[in-house]
Amino acid sequence: MATNLSACHPGDGIQALNRLPGLAEPRLQIDLERELQQLRQEDSWQRETGRSSKTLAKYPDFRIVLILMKSGTRMRQHRAEGRVSIQQLEGQVCVHLADRKVNVSAGHLLVLDCGVLHDVEALEESAFLLTISWRREKSDGSESFSSAQQHLDEEAVSRMDDEGGAPDAAAVNPPGAARKAGLGS
């Protein structure tokens, strides 16, 4: 199978973002332990929602969000029109699906296909990486993103933010350093 290398070029993500372009650098290196320590200092971690989150990478078709949840907290039911993965770093969460519950422990990965309805419950203090990948569509000979799909995924991320995610931050650290940002677009 031939690969179309012209579909994605380093730096494409920076041009597509008008806010926080530092989250779409051609190379990002992130210290997850440091990021978790910072999340534990956020106001959102102290609120009743017991959850704090930070966008670590934000490209037009790909997002990585670090989420920290206190034991017993829950993200209400939602879906993303793109594929998602939950990579459990610390603790254990229970992902409630329509037909079953799936426990995800530290060191495990769960992948959900497009549009799968789910909610997430922290069974103990937990940290995980949420990755969302949108599809690209061809349009007028150039690559673009399905605005309907991206809008639905942005709504899911926004709902997560409304339930206790970190607010947007305008400051961006120098390249190679960890970046500070919220879940908004």
Protein backbone atom coordinates (compact mmCIF):
# COMPACT_ATOMS: atom_id res chain seq x y z
CA MET A 1 0.00 0.00 0.00
CA ALA A 2 1.45 3.35 -1.07
CA THR A 3 1.66 6.13 1.50
CA ASN A 4 0.81 9.68 0.48
CA LEU A 5 3.58 11.59 2.21
CA SER A 6 2.27 14.91 0.88
CA ALA A 7 -0.84 14.61 3.06
CA CYS A 8 0.89 15.92 6.16
CA HIS A 9 3.99 18.10 6.47
CA PRO A 10 5.87 19.20 9.59
CA GLY A 11 4.57 22.58 10.65
CA ASP A 12 1.15 22.22 8.98
CA GLY A 13 -0.54 22.26 12.37
CA ILE A 14 0.98 25.59 13.39
CA GLN A 15 -0.47 27.39 10.38
CA ALA A 16 -3.94 25.95 10.99
CA LEU A 17 -4.14 27.16 14.60
CA ASN A 18 -4.71 30.79 15.43
CA ARG A 19 -4.51 30.21 19.21
CA LEU A 20 -1.70 28.47 21.06
CA PRO A 21 0.36 27.54 17.98
CA GLY A 22 3.11 26.22 20.29
CA LEU A 23 0.98 23.11 20.81
CA ALA A 24 1.41 22.18 17.13
CA GLU A 25 5.18 22.38 16.76
CA PRO A 26 6.79 19.80 14.45
CA ARG A 27 8.35 18.25 17.58
CA LEU A 28 6.95 18.32 21.09
CA GLN A 29 8.69 16.79 24.09
CA ILE A 30 6.66 16.73 27.29
CA ASP A 31 7.57 15.79 30.85
CA LEU A 32 4.37 14.03 32.00
CA GLU A 33 5.42 13.89 35.65
CA ARG A 34 5.98 17.65 35.70
CA GLU A 35 2.66 18.24 33.96
CA LEU A 36 0.83 16.10 36.54
CA GLN A 37 2.47 18.04 39.38
CA GLN A 38 1.27 21.29 37.80
CA LEU A 39 -2.26 19.92 37.36
CA ARG A 40 -2.41 19.10 41.05
CA GLN A 41 -1.78 22.81 41.73
CA GLU A 42 -4.64 24.01 39.47
CA ASP A 43 -7.81 25.55 40.92
CA SER A 44 -9.83 22.99 38.96
CA TRP A 45 -8.19 20.20 41.00
CA GLN A 46 -9.41 21.86 44.22
CA ARG A 47 -13.01 22.32 43.02
CA GLU A 48 -15.80 19.85 43.70
CA THR A 49 -15.45 18.40 40.21
CA GLY A 50 -12.10 16.97 41.30
CA ARG A 51 -10.67 17.00 37.81
CA SER A 52 -7.98 18.96 36.04
CA SER A 53 -6.83 18.69 32.45
CA LYS A 54 -4.37 20.19 30.03
CA THR A 55 -4.01 20.00 26.27
CA LEU A 56 -0.46 18.88 25.49
CA ALA A 57 -0.64 18.68 21.70
CA LYS A 58 -3.18 20.32 19.43
CA TYR A 59 -3.11 19.79 15.70
CA PRO A 60 -6.10 20.27 13.41
CA ASP A 61 -6.66 16.50 13.15
CA PHE A 62 -5.10 15.24 16.39
CA ARG A 63 -5.24 16.18 20.06
CA ILE A 64 -3.58 14.84 23.25
CA VAL A 65 -5.04 15.86 26.62
CA LEU A 66 -3.61 14.95 30.03
CA ILE A 67 -6.44 14.37 32.51
CA LEU A 68 -6.17 14.00 36.27
CA MET A 69 -9.25 12.81 38.21
CA LYS A 70 -9.88 12.38 41.92
CA SER A 71 -11.35 9.11 43.14
CA GLY A 72 -15.11 8.91 42.69
CA THR A 73 -15.34 11.70 40.09
CA ARG A 74 -16.97 11.16 36.73
CA MET A 75 -17.04 12.66 33.24
CA ARG A 76 -20.62 12.51 32.07
CA GLN A 77 -21.64 10.58 28.98
CA HIS A 78 -20.26 11.90 25.71
CA ARG A 79 -18.92 10.78 22.35
CA ALA A 80 -16.25 11.92 19.95
CA GLU A 81 -16.74 11.58 16.23
CA GLY A 82 -13.05 10.84 15.90
CA ARG A 83 -11.28 7.80 17.27
CA VAL A 84 -10.06 8.14 20.86
CA SER A 85 -7.60 6.35 23.08
CA ILE A 86 -7.26 6.35 26.84
CA GLN A 87 -3.74 5.53 28.00
CA GLN A 88 -3.86 5.02 31.75
CA LEU A 89 -0.78 6.43 33.48
CA GLU A 90 -1.79 6.22 37.16
CA GLY A 91 -4.71 4.73 39.06
CA GLN A 92 -7.75 3.06 37.52
CA VAL A 93 -10.84 4.28 35.67
CA CYS A 94 -14.02 2.53 34.63
CA VAL A 95 -15.26 3.40 31.15
CA HIS A 96 -19.02 2.90 30.95
CA LEU A 97 -20.11 1.86 27.46
CA ALA A 98 -23.65 1.14 26.24
CA ASP A 99 -23.28 -2.63 26.67
CA ARG A 100 -20.51 -3.05 29.26
CA LYS A 101 -18.07 -1.50 31.72
CA VAL A 102 -14.35 -1.63 31.02
CA ASN A 103 -11.79 -1.08 33.78
CA VAL A 104 -8.54 0.50 32.61
CA SER A 105 -5.57 0.23 34.98
CA ALA A 106 -2.18 1.96 34.92
CA GLY A 107 -0.13 0.68 32.02
CA HIS A 108 -3.18 -0.22 29.90
CA LEU A 109 -4.66 1.35 26.79
CA LEU A 110 -8.28 1.47 25.63
CA VAL A 111 -9.21 2.53 22.09
CA LEU A 112 -12.75 3.54 21.09
CA ASP A 113 -13.94 3.86 17.53
CA CYS A 114 -15.70 6.93 16.16
CA GLY A 115 -18.94 7.91 17.89
CA VAL A 116 -18.86 5.38 20.75
CA LEU A 117 -20.97 6.76 23.61
CA HIS A 118 -19.14 6.50 26.96
CA ASP A 119 -18.49 8.08 30.32
CA VAL A 120 -15.43 7.82 32.54
CA GLU A 121 -15.41 7.18 36.30
CA ALA A 122 -12.25 7.36 38.42
CA LEU A 123 -12.15 4.34 40.74
CA GLU A 124 -9.12 5.89 42.47
CA GLU A 125 -7.05 9.00 41.83
CA SER A 126 -6.18 8.59 38.18
CA ALA A 127 -4.15 10.17 35.42
CA PHE A 128 -4.51 9.32 31.75
CA LEU A 129 -3.74 10.60 28.29
CA LEU A 130 -6.77 11.13 26.07
CA THR A 131 -5.94 11.14 22.38
CA ILE A 132 -8.48 12.20 19.75
CA SER A 133 -7.87 11.76 16.03
CA TRP A 134 -10.11 13.39 13.41
CA ARG A 135 -10.45 12.29 9.81
CA ARG A 136 -9.16 14.47 7.01
CA GLU A 137 -11.31 14.96 3.94
CA LYS A 138 -10.27 15.94 0.43
CA SER A 139 -11.75 19.24 -0.69
CA ASP A 140 -10.88 21.23 -3.83
CA GLY A 141 -7.65 19.28 -4.24
CA SER A 142 -6.37 20.20 -0.78
CA GLU A 143 -6.74 18.44 2.53
CA SER A 144 -9.21 19.82 5.05
CA PHE A 145 -11.08 18.57 8.07
CA SER A 146 -14.71 17.66 8.39
CA SER A 147 -16.09 20.70 10.18
CA ALA A 148 -19.08 18.71 11.46
CA GLN A 149 -16.84 15.99 12.91
CA GLN A 150 -14.40 18.47 14.40
CA HIS A 151 -17.28 20.50 15.88
CA LEU A 152 -18.73 17.41 17.61
CA ASP A 153 -15.32 16.48 19.00
CA GLU A 154 -14.72 20.06 20.17
CA GLU A 155 -18.11 19.90 21.94
CA ALA A 156 -17.03 16.72 23.74
CA VAL A 157 -13.77 18.34 24.83
CA SER A 158 -15.68 21.48 25.85
CA ARG A 159 -18.10 19.42 28.00
CA MET A 160 -15.09 17.81 29.66
CA ASP A 161 -13.72 21.31 30.30
CA ASP A 162 -17.06 22.51 31.72
CA GLU A 163 -16.90 19.67 34.21
CA GLY A 164 -13.54 20.70 35.62
CA GLY A 165 -10.87 21.10 32.97
CA ALA A 166 -8.24 23.78 33.12
CA PRO A 167 -9.08 27.12 31.52
CA ASP A 168 -7.28 28.29 28.39
CA ALA A 169 -3.95 29.90 29.03
CA ALA A 170 -2.54 32.42 26.60
CA ALA A 171 1.08 31.88 27.60
CA VAL A 172 3.15 29.37 25.68
CA ASN A 173 6.54 28.23 26.97
CA PRO A 174 9.61 28.17 24.70
CA PRO A 175 9.95 25.29 22.20
CA GLY A 176 10.92 22.01 23.82
CA ALA A 177 9.44 23.02 27.18
CA ALA A 178 6.12 21.77 28.45
CA ARG A 179 3.22 23.85 27.20
CA LYS A 180 0.39 25.28 29.30
CA ALA A 181 -3.04 25.24 27.67
CA GLY A 182 -6.66 24.43 28.24
CA LEU A 183 -9.10 22.27 26.34
CA GLY A 184 -10.74 25.05 24.32
CA SER A 185 -10.06 25.44 20.60
